[in-house]
Amino acid sequence: MADDTRQPDTVSKEDADQADTRALRRPKPRHDFPKTQAGKMWEVLGNPAEPANALPGGTYNSAGGRPVDVTWKDAFSFKHEGNGYAWYQAPCARDSLLVGMGAGGAVGGLRFILKGLSSMLTTANFAVAGFVLSASGMYYWCDQRRREEARGMALAVQGMKMLHEKKAREKLAAEEAARAAMAAKAEEEERRRKQQWYKFW
């Protein structure tokens, strides 16, 4: 006769734990999903559920201890809405640095082609000046564009709020008109019901 080759039904505790942890892990999505328009507006304009008149750092409880000391490193780091980042990660910095490098290289290269090796110090100065001027101009333009976009988003939020208020007023007016029509109809029916169908003279 053939031997029994079936596996035993007992499972070790370690195998069961590993199976549980594998079942609980969820794979991360491959791509970051884009934010909604409302999420983008909340980032720029703030969450409407939060109080509008709260000052930054106004929630500090002086009875709970001392605030964190400011260091020299904090003086040279950029902070935006509580998030610290390096100077090259600031908004518009990437675009302005790329444009500055391109313009500086173009100005320096053109100066080198026209004057040659005889004036390399002046050529380097021209390249640096081209970098600084074009990078600062691009940063200013990009910053103005971002502010315009923020203003446009604020106007869009205000317009949407006004549109919702207008729709609510129109709905309320329609309900009032429907109620008035129902009341007039009921009054007319009551008048007809009370009217006598005969006259003595």
Foldseek 3Di string as FASTA:
>chain_A
DDDDPDDDPDDDPVVVVVVVVVVPDDDDDPDDDDDDLVVVLCVLPNDPVDDPPQDVVNVDDVVVDDDDDDDPVNVQWDDDPRDTDHPCPPPQNVVLQVQLQVQLVVQLVVVCVVPNPPCNVVSNVRSNVSSVVSSVVSSVVRVVVVVVVSVVSVVVVVVVVVVVVVVVVVVVVVVVVVVVVVVVVVVVVVVVVPDDPDDPD
